[in-house]
């Protein structure tokens, strides 16, 4: 318990140190305040932005796109990854192709999504799905391969059905790896949706951030970046909490 508190205190100290350096650089003129508004001014602007109805509406739009893409990508990617891992021949064929597809920057495909889906909800959800599914597939194959053969052999020797094997052997063994993958995949998902909003969109917080950047509104831009960072960290810590609750399954 003491060690956990020490780690949390160290994390908080690092964050505070970053904000302190940021504040000093701006206030002392080491970096032009026009290019880097102070941390306190950016935080004050964040509070002001959250009071605006238009910004709150954009956050709702972005959240709906992110959640839709995530809800679609996770089960589809998990199913594909499971099928690949369970078939040795299919695995040998598909794994190199997956690594190749994963290594390609997804942003180069964004114009294709705009051409196919147009500028709107479907385009952003589709690109978020596309940005997420590869990491889910690869993580699932790794999770399936982490299941011990001995556990499967024992379950089948006792006559366990496919459903029982899935829920009592595969799921407990895979869940810690999958939860770690969820944290990573959400980062890819959020990044994909924000990028799509910045590139071509009429709404969403990514569209707002792009507008602030184009108009050189640095306080609003940095406040928007802080907003996205807080959202990402909140989800990350939520999944981390669930992961610690399931830590007894790592044995």
Protein backbone atom coordinates (compact mmCIF):
# COMPACT_ATOMS: atom_id res chain seq x y z
CA UNK A 1 0.00 0.00 0.00
CA UNK A 2 2.82 2.37 0.90
CA UNK A 3 4.57 1.58 -2.36
CA UNK A 4 1.41 2.34 -4.33
CA UNK A 5 0.98 5.68 -2.58
CA UNK A 6 4.62 6.50 -3.26
CA UNK A 7 4.20 5.79 -6.97
CA UNK A 8 1.07 7.97 -7.14
CA UNK A 9 2.85 10.76 -5.28
CA UNK A 10 5.79 10.52 -7.69
CA UNK A 11 3.43 10.72 -10.69
CA UNK A 12 1.72 13.77 -9.23
CA UNK A 13 5.10 15.38 -8.55
CA UNK A 14 6.15 14.86 -12.18
CA UNK A 15 2.92 16.43 -13.46
CA UNK A 16 3.26 19.41 -11.12
CA UNK A 17 6.92 19.84 -12.16
CA UNK A 18 5.93 19.92 -15.84
CA UNK A 19 3.29 22.56 -15.15
CA UNK A 20 5.74 24.56 -13.03
CA UNK A 21 8.38 24.56 -15.79
CA UNK A 22 5.67 25.48 -18.31
CA UNK A 23 4.57 28.40 -16.11
CA UNK A 24 8.13 29.65 -15.56
CA UNK A 25 9.07 29.48 -19.24
CA UNK A 26 6.06 31.58 -20.20
CA UNK A 27 6.14 34.06 -17.30
CA UNK A 28 9.87 34.78 -17.56
CA UNK A 29 9.73 35.29 -21.32
CA UNK A 30 12.12 32.39 -22.02
CA UNK A 31 9.43 31.36 -24.50
CA UNK A 32 7.15 33.97 -26.01
CA UNK A 33 3.76 33.98 -24.21
CA UNK A 34 2.16 34.38 -27.63
CA UNK A 35 3.58 30.99 -28.62
CA UNK A 36 3.28 29.36 -25.20
CA UNK A 37 0.68 30.90 -22.91
CA UNK A 38 1.27 30.10 -19.26
CA UNK A 39 -0.12 26.97 -17.65
CA UNK A 40 -2.36 29.01 -15.36
CA UNK A 41 -3.82 30.96 -18.29
CA UNK A 42 -4.38 27.74 -20.25
CA UNK A 43 -6.14 26.10 -17.29
CA UNK A 44 -8.30 29.20 -16.82
CA UNK A 45 -9.17 29.07 -20.52
CA UNK A 46 -10.06 25.37 -20.16
CA UNK A 47 -12.57 26.26 -17.46
CA UNK A 48 -13.99 29.01 -19.66
CA UNK A 49 -14.30 26.70 -22.67
CA UNK A 50 -16.16 24.06 -20.68
CA UNK A 51 -18.79 26.68 -19.85
CA UNK A 52 -19.51 27.24 -23.55
CA UNK A 53 -22.47 25.28 -24.92
CA UNK A 54 -20.78 24.89 -28.32
CA UNK A 55 -17.71 23.25 -26.79
CA UNK A 56 -19.83 20.92 -24.65
CA UNK A 57 -21.80 19.93 -27.75
CA UNK A 58 -18.55 19.22 -29.59
CA UNK A 59 -17.38 17.05 -26.70
CA UNK A 60 -20.62 15.07 -26.88
CA UNK A 61 -20.17 14.60 -30.63
CA UNK A 62 -16.58 13.40 -30.21
CA UNK A 63 -17.51 11.11 -27.33
CA UNK A 64 -20.31 9.50 -29.35
CA UNK A 65 -17.95 8.91 -32.29
CA UNK A 66 -15.20 7.49 -30.09
CA UNK A 67 -17.54 5.17 -28.19
CA UNK A 68 -19.26 3.96 -31.36
CA UNK A 69 -15.95 3.16 -33.05
CA UNK A 70 -14.67 1.48 -29.89
CA UNK A 71 -17.80 -0.63 -29.37
CA UNK A 72 -17.59 -1.81 -32.98
CA UNK A 73 -13.83 -2.38 -33.17
CA UNK A 74 -13.31 -4.32 -29.93
CA UNK A 75 -15.71 -7.26 -30.50
CA UNK A 76 -14.94 -7.50 -34.22
CA UNK A 77 -11.19 -7.33 -33.64
CA UNK A 78 -11.40 -9.80 -30.76
CA UNK A 79 -13.33 -12.31 -32.87
CA UNK A 80 -10.90 -12.02 -35.80
CA UNK A 81 -7.89 -12.28 -33.49
CA UNK A 82 -9.36 -15.37 -31.80
CA UNK A 83 -10.02 -17.09 -35.12
CA UNK A 84 -6.50 -16.31 -36.33
CA UNK A 85 -4.86 -17.59 -33.16
CA UNK A 86 -6.92 -20.80 -33.10
CA UNK A 87 -6.01 -21.80 -36.66
CA UNK A 88 -2.28 -22.42 -37.08
CA UNK A 89 -2.33 -22.25 -40.89
CA UNK A 90 -4.47 -19.10 -40.90
CA UNK A 91 -2.18 -17.60 -38.26
CA UNK A 92 0.96 -18.23 -40.33
CA UNK A 93 -0.69 -16.59 -43.34
CA UNK A 94 -2.29 -13.60 -41.63
CA UNK A 95 0.19 -12.55 -38.93
CA UNK A 96 2.83 -11.10 -41.30
CA UNK A 97 0.08 -9.24 -43.17
CA UNK A 98 -1.29 -7.83 -39.91
CA UNK A 99 2.13 -6.59 -38.83
CA UNK A 100 2.59 -5.02 -42.27
CA UNK A 101 -0.83 -3.30 -42.11
CA UNK A 102 -0.19 -2.16 -38.53
CA UNK A 103 3.14 -0.54 -39.50
CA UNK A 104 1.52 1.66 -42.17
CA UNK A 105 0.52 5.14 -40.90
CA UNK A 106 -3.28 5.10 -40.88
CA UNK A 107 -3.53 8.81 -41.65
CA UNK A 108 -2.67 8.19 -45.31
CA UNK A 109 -5.98 6.33 -45.68
CA UNK A 110 -8.10 9.17 -44.28
CA UNK A 111 -8.84 10.76 -47.72
CA UNK A 112 -10.23 7.38 -48.82
CA UNK A 113 -12.66 7.37 -45.91
CA UNK A 114 -13.77 10.89 -46.81
CA UNK A 115 -14.36 9.84 -50.41
CA UNK A 116 -16.31 6.73 -49.40
CA UNK A 117 -18.33 8.03 -46.43
CA UNK A 118 -18.28 11.78 -47.04
CA UNK A 119 -17.70 14.30 -44.27
CA UNK A 120 -19.74 13.29 -41.25
CA UNK A 121 -20.35 10.83 -38.44
CA UNK A 122 -19.76 7.68 -40.53
CA UNK A 123 -16.41 8.89 -41.83
CA UNK A 124 -15.07 9.63 -38.34
CA UNK A 125 -16.41 6.43 -36.80
CA UNK A 126 -15.08 4.41 -39.73
CA UNK A 127 -11.62 5.89 -39.43
CA UNK A 128 -11.64 5.40 -35.65
CA UNK A 129 -12.64 1.77 -36.21
CA UNK A 130 -9.87 1.34 -38.79
CA UNK A 131 -7.30 2.93 -36.47
CA UNK A 132 -8.28 0.62 -33.61
CA UNK A 133 -9.02 -2.80 -35.03
CA UNK A 134 -5.45 -3.84 -35.89
CA UNK A 135 -4.17 -3.36 -32.35
CA UNK A 136 -7.20 -5.29 -31.02
CA UNK A 137 -6.58 -8.18 -33.43
CA UNK A 138 -2.89 -8.39 -32.59
CA UNK A 139 -3.52 -8.14 -28.85
CA UNK A 140 -6.19 -10.84 -29.00
CA UNK A 141 -3.91 -13.26 -30.84
CA UNK A 142 -1.27 -12.67 -28.16
CA UNK A 143 -3.88 -13.18 -25.42
CA UNK A 144 -5.12 -16.46 -26.94
CA UNK A 145 -1.57 -17.74 -27.28
CA UNK A 146 -0.99 -16.94 -23.59
CA UNK A 147 -3.64 -19.50 -22.56
CA UNK A 148 -1.91 -22.55 -21.09
CA UNK A 149 -2.45 -25.76 -23.03
CA UNK A 150 -2.64 -27.70 -19.75
CA UNK A 151 -5.71 -25.74 -18.68
CA UNK A 152 -7.45 -26.46 -21.98
CA UNK A 153 -6.55 -30.14 -21.79
CA UNK A 154 -7.94 -30.47 -18.26
CA UNK A 155 -11.16 -28.63 -19.17
CA UNK A 156 -11.76 -30.79 -22.24
CA UNK A 157 -10.92 -34.01 -20.40
CA UNK A 158 -13.69 -33.17 -17.91
CA UNK A 159 -16.12 -32.69 -20.78
CA UNK A 160 -16.34 -28.90 -20.75
CA UNK A 161 -18.43 -27.50 -23.57
CA UNK A 162 -17.12 -24.85 -25.98
CA UNK A 163 -19.02 -22.15 -24.09
CA UNK A 164 -17.71 -23.34 -20.72
CA UNK A 165 -14.16 -23.49 -22.09
CA UNK A 166 -14.52 -19.96 -23.48
CA UNK A 167 -15.80 -18.42 -20.24
CA UNK A 168 -13.89 -20.48 -17.67
CA UNK A 169 -10.54 -21.01 -19.37
CA UNK A 170 -10.02 -18.57 -22.21
CA UNK A 171 -11.61 -15.47 -20.66
CA UNK A 172 -9.86 -15.60 -17.24
CA UNK A 173 -6.49 -16.24 -18.93
CA UNK A 174 -6.97 -13.61 -21.62
CA UNK A 175 -8.64 -10.85 -19.63
CA UNK A 176 -5.50 -9.24 -18.12
CA UNK A 177 -3.90 -9.01 -21.57
CA UNK A 178 -7.12 -7.79 -23.15
CA UNK A 179 -7.59 -5.06 -20.54
CA UNK A 180 -4.07 -3.82 -21.24
CA UNK A 181 -4.95 -3.88 -24.94
CA UNK A 182 -8.11 -1.87 -24.30
CA UNK A 183 -6.08 0.99 -22.86
CA UNK A 184 -3.79 1.03 -25.89
CA UNK A 185 -6.60 0.61 -28.41
CA UNK A 186 -8.55 3.51 -26.91
CA UNK A 187 -5.54 5.75 -27.52
CA UNK A 188 -5.49 4.71 -31.18
CA UNK A 189 -9.26 5.12 -31.37
CA UNK A 190 -9.28 8.60 -29.83
CA UNK A 191 -6.35 9.67 -31.99
CA UNK A 192 -8.06 8.41 -35.14
CA UNK A 193 -11.33 10.21 -34.42
CA UNK A 194 -9.61 13.47 -33.44
CA UNK A 195 -7.46 13.32 -36.57
CA UNK A 196 -10.53 12.77 -38.75
CA UNK A 197 -12.24 15.73 -37.08
CA UNK A 198 -9.22 17.94 -37.61
CA UNK A 199 -8.81 16.91 -41.24
CA UNK A 200 -12.42 17.17 -42.41
CA UNK A 201 -15.34 17.82 -40.10
CA UNK A 202 -18.02 20.33 -39.27
CA UNK A 203 -18.16 19.55 -35.54
CA UNK A 204 -16.33 17.73 -32.78
CA UNK A 205 -13.58 18.87 -30.44
CA UNK A 206 -10.93 17.98 -33.04
CA UNK A 207 -12.54 20.43 -35.44
CA UNK A 208 -12.45 23.09 -32.72
CA UNK A 209 -8.77 22.42 -31.99
CA UNK A 210 -7.92 22.70 -35.69
CA UNK A 211 -9.83 25.98 -35.91
CA UNK A 212 -8.02 27.41 -32.87
CA UNK A 213 -4.67 26.39 -34.33
CA UNK A 214 -5.41 27.91 -37.74
CA UNK A 215 -6.44 31.19 -36.07
CA UNK A 216 -3.39 31.17 -33.78
CA UNK A 217 -5.56 31.10 -30.66
CA UNK A 218 -2.88 29.50 -28.52
CA UNK A 219 -4.71 29.64 -25.18
CA UNK A 220 -7.71 27.85 -26.65
CA UNK A 221 -5.46 25.41 -28.49
CA UNK A 222 -3.50 24.41 -25.39
CA UNK A 223 -6.71 24.24 -23.36
CA UNK A 224 -8.13 21.88 -25.98
CA UNK A 225 -5.02 19.71 -25.79
CA UNK A 226 -5.35 19.58 -22.00
CA UNK A 227 -9.00 18.64 -22.39
CA UNK A 228 -8.15 15.67 -24.63
CA UNK A 229 -5.32 14.64 -22.31
CA UNK A 230 -7.63 14.64 -19.28
CA UNK A 231 -10.21 12.52 -21.11
CA UNK A 232 -7.56 10.01 -22.24
CA UNK A 233 -6.01 9.77 -18.77
CA UNK A 234 -9.42 9.32 -17.14
CA UNK A 235 -10.24 6.36 -19.37
CA UNK A 236 -6.74 4.96 -18.90
CA UNK A 237 -7.05 5.04 -15.12
CA UNK A 238 -10.55 3.54 -15.27
CA UNK A 239 -9.29 0.53 -17.23
CA UNK A 240 -6.24 0.32 -14.96
CA UNK A 241 -8.59 0.12 -11.96
CA UNK A 242 -10.56 -2.71 -13.60
CA UNK A 243 -7.27 -4.42 -14.43
CA UNK A 244 -6.16 -4.37 -10.79
CA UNK A 245 -9.51 -5.86 -9.78
CA UNK A 246 -8.82 -8.75 -12.16
CA UNK A 247 -5.19 -9.19 -11.18
CA UNK A 248 -5.91 -12.46 -9.33
CA UNK A 249 -6.56 -14.05 -12.74
CA UNK A 250 -2.94 -13.61 -13.79
CA UNK A 251 -1.94 -16.84 -12.07
